[in-house]
Amino acid sequence: MSRSHHIEVIRPDWGAPENIVAVTTTRRGGFSQSCWGELNLASHVGDDPSSVMRNRSLLADSLQLPSAPIWLEQVHGCDVVMADERGVPPPCDASVSQRSGVVCAVLTADCLPLLLCNREGTVVAAVHAGWRGLAAGVIEQTIAQMKCPGDQIMAWLGPAIGPDAFEVGADVRDIFLAYQAQAEWAFRDQGNGKWLCDIYLLAKQRLTDLGVNQICGGDLCTYSDTERFYSYRRDGATGRMASLIWIK
């Protein structure tokens, strides 16, 4: 992997209003080394703290961020914080903002990063949606905090572990089927009580149920793309990408 410090990012092609900026980082272009190379943005994964700070500074400079991202203490739950409020956010897995210049962010390395905005460009959200958060209702809680009808919301599903790589037990499948029967379509039987899970589809089903009809993304697999993405399931000790969204 090259040692360039020119970061590589993904910008959603989702038809969002012009005043909305959304981006997901890859692992390319930062200062971290070894299993965290290169652009690890997480401070909780064992990486050299000075490398993480340099990576965050590089991110801010490269993207011309209007403010420091609201980094969350993610706990695989469904609590949502209003990023507009000052102070350190409590442990939660999503943030919402209605103010310009406030950067909502989530860190992932297989879990689904979900970015949301409304068609008017007056509210945005970033969601950390692993299977536990999805099951707990993190999407539902976030959209409730956005306080606008589902049919006015646009969604982009960022890089996550793909449906050919995410093996789970029958217990996970049972949790989702207990919530909605259509979740059956998101699981493929592998035998021995194991199932392949399509986390993209599970998220899309939840969004659709809430009236969200403009859903993009969901086609980038962290597990299979070793060059661009971190994957906890693949590597164990590894870094984290960031997905960020803000109102200009």
Protein backbone atom coordinates (compact mmCIF):
# COMPACT_ATOMS: atom_id res chain seq x y z
CA MET A 1 0.00 0.00 0.00
CA SER A 2 1.43 3.39 -0.96
CA ARG A 3 2.55 5.91 1.66
CA SER A 4 0.85 8.88 0.04
CA HIS A 5 -0.88 11.34 2.36
CA HIS A 6 -3.37 12.36 -0.30
CA ILE A 7 -6.55 10.87 1.10
CA GLU A 8 -9.00 8.96 -1.03
CA VAL A 9 -12.70 9.41 -0.31
CA ILE A 10 -16.06 8.36 -1.72
CA ARG A 11 -18.67 11.00 -2.44
CA PRO A 12 -22.24 9.68 -2.69
CA ASP A 13 -24.05 10.18 -5.99
CA TRP A 14 -27.49 10.48 -4.46
CA GLY A 15 -29.05 13.70 -5.72
CA ALA A 16 -28.87 15.51 -2.39
CA PRO A 17 -29.44 19.30 -2.30
CA GLU A 18 -26.42 21.39 -3.27
CA ASN A 19 -25.94 22.66 0.27
CA ILE A 20 -25.44 19.14 1.64
CA VAL A 21 -21.93 17.68 1.79
CA ALA A 22 -21.52 13.94 2.33
CA VAL A 23 -18.38 11.82 2.19
CA THR A 24 -16.97 8.48 3.31
CA THR A 25 -13.26 7.95 3.77
CA THR A 26 -11.30 4.90 2.66
CA ARG A 27 -8.18 3.52 4.35
CA ARG A 28 -5.88 5.22 1.82
CA GLY A 29 -3.70 8.24 2.39
CA GLY A 30 -3.00 8.76 6.09
CA PHE A 31 -0.20 8.32 8.62
CA SER A 32 -1.14 5.11 10.45
CA GLN A 33 1.01 2.03 9.98
CA SER A 34 0.81 -1.74 10.41
CA CYS A 35 -2.73 -3.13 10.63
CA TRP A 36 -4.14 0.39 11.00
CA GLY A 37 -2.63 1.69 7.76
CA GLU A 38 -3.23 4.26 6.54
CA LEU A 39 -6.13 6.62 7.32
CA ASN A 40 -7.42 5.22 10.60
CA LEU A 41 -9.66 7.82 12.24
CA ALA A 42 -10.59 5.92 15.41
CA SER A 43 -8.90 6.56 18.74
CA HIS A 44 -10.15 3.36 20.43
CA VAL A 45 -8.57 0.60 18.30
CA GLY A 46 -4.99 0.55 19.62
CA ASP A 47 -3.42 2.80 16.99
CA ASP A 48 -0.74 5.36 17.90
CA PRO A 49 -2.73 8.37 19.20
CA SER A 50 -0.44 10.81 17.40
CA SER A 51 -1.14 9.08 14.08
CA VAL A 52 -4.88 9.29 14.69
CA MET A 53 -4.64 13.00 15.46
CA ARG A 54 -2.56 13.60 12.32
CA ASN A 55 -5.12 11.64 10.29
CA ARG A 56 -7.99 13.70 11.70
CA SER A 57 -6.11 16.91 10.95
CA LEU A 58 -5.42 15.69 7.40
CA LEU A 59 -9.11 14.86 7.02
CA ALA A 60 -10.14 18.33 8.18
CA ASP A 61 -7.70 20.03 5.82
CA SER A 62 -8.45 17.82 2.81
CA LEU A 63 -12.23 18.18 3.10
CA GLN A 64 -12.11 21.80 4.33
CA LEU A 65 -14.37 20.82 7.21
CA PRO A 66 -16.29 23.77 8.67
CA SER A 67 -15.79 22.41 12.22
CA ALA A 68 -14.42 19.39 14.02
CA PRO A 69 -16.61 16.31 13.47
CA ILE A 70 -18.89 15.25 16.31
CA TRP A 71 -17.16 11.95 17.11
CA LEU A 72 -19.50 9.60 18.96
CA GLU A 73 -18.84 6.90 21.53
CA GLN A 74 -20.63 4.21 19.54
CA VAL A 75 -22.20 1.38 21.55
CA HIS A 76 -24.29 -0.59 19.00
CA GLY A 77 -27.53 0.83 20.39
CA CYS A 78 -30.29 3.10 19.16
CA ASP A 79 -29.74 6.38 21.03
CA VAL A 80 -29.50 9.55 18.94
CA VAL A 81 -27.93 12.88 19.87
CA MET A 82 -28.65 16.35 18.51
CA ALA A 83 -25.20 17.39 17.30
CA ASP A 84 -26.23 21.06 17.47
CA GLU A 85 -26.12 20.94 21.27
CA ARG A 86 -22.80 21.88 22.84
CA GLY A 87 -20.77 19.53 24.99
CA VAL A 88 -19.50 16.00 24.69
CA PRO A 89 -22.25 13.73 23.34
CA PRO A 90 -23.31 10.78 25.51
CA PRO A 91 -22.72 7.22 24.25
CA CYS A 92 -24.93 6.89 21.17
CA ASP A 93 -24.94 5.64 17.58
CA ALA A 94 -26.38 8.50 15.52
CA SER A 95 -26.36 12.27 15.39
CA VAL A 96 -28.70 14.79 13.80
CA SER A 97 -28.10 18.45 12.88
CA GLN A 98 -30.24 21.31 11.62
CA ARG A 99 -27.43 23.87 11.74
CA SER A 100 -24.97 24.72 9.00
CA GLY A 101 -21.36 23.87 9.68
CA VAL A 102 -22.03 21.08 12.18
CA VAL A 103 -20.35 17.86 11.00
CA CYS A 104 -22.16 14.62 11.91
CA ALA A 105 -19.90 11.56 11.73
CA VAL A 106 -19.78 7.83 12.39
CA LEU A 107 -16.88 5.37 12.36
CA THR A 108 -17.21 1.92 10.80
CA ALA A 109 -15.27 -1.15 9.66
CA ASP A 110 -18.08 -3.54 8.58
CA CYS A 111 -21.12 -1.99 10.27
CA LEU A 112 -23.32 0.06 7.97
CA PRO A 113 -22.76 3.83 7.85
CA LEU A 114 -26.05 5.49 6.89
CA LEU A 115 -26.20 9.14 5.84
CA LEU A 116 -29.54 10.96 5.71
CA CYS A 117 -30.82 14.37 4.69
CA ASN A 118 -34.16 15.89 3.74
CA ARG A 119 -35.02 17.17 0.28
CA GLU A 120 -34.98 20.79 1.47
CA GLY A 121 -31.46 20.46 2.82
CA THR A 122 -32.38 21.66 6.30
CA VAL A 123 -31.54 18.57 8.37
CA VAL A 124 -28.88 15.85 8.17
CA ALA A 125 -27.97 12.72 10.12
CA ALA A 126 -25.19 10.15 10.36
CA VAL A 127 -26.05 6.66 11.65
CA HIS A 128 -23.89 3.75 12.82
CA ALA A 129 -26.05 0.76 11.92
CA GLY A 130 -24.58 -2.61 12.74
CA TRP A 131 -27.03 -5.48 13.10
CA ARG A 132 -27.58 -4.79 16.80
CA GLY A 133 -28.35 -1.14 16.18
CA LEU A 134 -30.64 -1.99 13.28
CA ALA A 135 -32.54 -4.49 15.41
CA ALA A 136 -32.78 -2.00 18.28
CA GLY A 137 -34.31 0.65 16.01
CA VAL A 138 -31.51 3.14 15.42
CA ILE A 139 -32.91 4.08 11.99
CA GLU A 140 -36.39 4.63 13.39
CA GLN A 141 -35.06 6.73 16.28
CA THR A 142 -32.90 8.84 13.98
CA ILE A 143 -35.68 9.65 11.55
CA ALA A 144 -37.95 10.52 14.45
CA GLN A 145 -35.32 13.06 15.59
CA MET A 146 -35.12 14.53 12.08
CA LYS A 147 -38.76 15.56 12.47
CA CYS A 148 -39.78 15.40 8.82
CA PRO A 149 -41.90 12.91 6.83
CA GLY A 150 -40.18 9.80 5.52
CA ASP A 151 -41.02 10.65 1.92
CA GLN A 152 -38.99 13.86 2.31
CA ILE A 153 -35.85 11.98 3.43
CA MET A 154 -32.98 10.80 1.24
CA ALA A 155 -30.69 7.97 2.31
CA TRP A 156 -27.25 6.74 1.31
CA LEU A 157 -25.89 3.40 2.47
CA GLY A 158 -22.11 3.50 2.74
CA PRO A 159 -19.51 0.72 2.67
CA ALA A 160 -20.40 -2.25 4.91
CA ILE A 161 -19.82 -5.99 5.05
CA GLY A 162 -21.53 -7.45 2.00
CA PRO A 163 -24.21 -10.15 1.76
CA ASP A 164 -21.72 -12.78 0.61
CA ALA A 165 -19.43 -12.27 3.63
CA PHE A 166 -21.60 -11.55 6.68
CA GLU A 167 -22.27 -14.89 8.37
CA VAL A 168 -24.51 -14.86 11.45
CA GLY A 169 -26.26 -17.36 13.68
CA ALA A 170 -29.94 -18.27 13.64
CA ASP A 171 -30.42 -16.08 16.72
CA VAL A 172 -29.71 -12.95 14.69
CA ARG A 173 -32.13 -14.02 11.97
CA ASP A 174 -34.81 -14.76 14.55
CA ILE A 175 -34.52 -11.26 16.02
CA PHE A 176 -35.21 -9.63 12.66
CA LEU A 177 -37.97 -12.04 11.66
CA ALA A 178 -39.75 -11.31 14.93
CA TYR A 179 -39.88 -7.66 13.91
CA GLN A 180 -40.99 -8.12 10.28
CA ALA A 181 -41.61 -11.22 8.21
CA GLN A 182 -40.04 -9.70 5.08
CA ALA A 183 -36.64 -9.79 6.81
CA GLU A 184 -36.55 -13.43 5.65
CA TRP A 185 -35.36 -12.18 2.26
CA ALA A 186 -32.19 -10.79 3.84
CA PHE A 187 -30.91 -14.21 4.97
CA ARG A 188 -29.49 -17.16 3.01
CA ASP A 189 -29.18 -20.54 4.72
CA GLN A 190 -25.60 -21.85 4.91
CA GLY A 191 -26.40 -24.94 6.94
CA ASN A 192 -25.27 -25.79 10.48
CA GLY A 193 -27.40 -22.99 11.88
CA LYS A 194 -25.46 -20.32 9.99
CA TRP A 195 -26.91 -17.70 7.64
CA LEU A 196 -25.51 -15.09 5.28
CA CYS A 197 -27.04 -11.73 6.18
CA ASP A 198 -27.69 -8.81 3.82
CA ILE A 199 -27.38 -5.81 6.13
CA TYR A 200 -28.06 -3.44 3.23
CA LEU A 201 -31.43 -5.05 2.58
CA LEU A 202 -32.36 -5.02 6.27
CA ALA A 203 -31.68 -1.28 6.37
CA LYS A 204 -33.61 -0.68 3.15
CA GLN A 205 -36.61 -2.54 4.56
CA ARG A 206 -36.60 -0.38 7.68
CA LEU A 207 -36.27 2.80 5.62
CA THR A 208 -39.06 1.78 3.25
CA ASP A 209 -41.37 1.04 6.17
CA LEU A 210 -40.78 4.62 7.34
CA GLY A 211 -41.76 6.04 3.96
CA VAL A 212 -38.25 6.70 2.68
CA ASN A 213 -38.30 6.04 -1.06
CA GLN A 214 -35.04 7.60 -2.25
CA ILE A 215 -32.36 5.13 -1.14
CA CYS A 216 -28.93 4.94 -2.79
CA GLY A 217 -25.69 3.05 -2.17
CA GLY A 218 -25.40 -0.33 -0.54
CA ASP A 219 -23.02 -1.82 -3.08
CA LEU A 220 -19.57 -1.48 -1.49
CA CYS A 221 -18.31 -4.44 0.54
CA THR A 222 -15.72 -3.72 3.23
CA TYR A 223 -14.81 -7.38 3.66
CA SER A 224 -13.94 -8.12 0.04
CA ASP A 225 -12.19 -4.83 -0.85
CA THR A 226 -8.94 -5.12 1.10
CA GLU A 227 -7.28 -2.20 -0.67
CA ARG A 228 -9.89 0.45 0.12
CA PHE A 229 -11.65 -0.58 3.32
CA TYR A 230 -11.03 -1.69 6.87
CA SER A 231 -12.93 -4.82 7.93
CA TYR A 232 -13.13 -5.99 11.52
CA ARG A 233 -14.62 -9.35 10.49
CA ARG A 234 -11.75 -9.92 8.05
CA ASP A 235 -8.78 -8.59 10.03
CA GLY A 236 -9.67 -8.29 13.71
CA ALA A 237 -7.23 -5.54 14.72
CA THR A 238 -7.86 -2.79 12.19
CA GLY A 239 -8.76 0.86 11.72
CA ARG A 240 -12.02 2.65 11.04
CA MET A 241 -13.36 4.72 8.15
CA ALA A 242 -15.49 7.80 8.75
CA SER A 243 -18.74 8.78 7.09
CA LEU A 244 -19.53 12.47 7.46
CA ILE A 245 -22.37 14.80 6.50
CA TRP A 246 -23.08 18.47 7.06
CA ILE A 247 -25.05 21.46 5.88
CA LYS A 248 -22.99 24.18 4.18
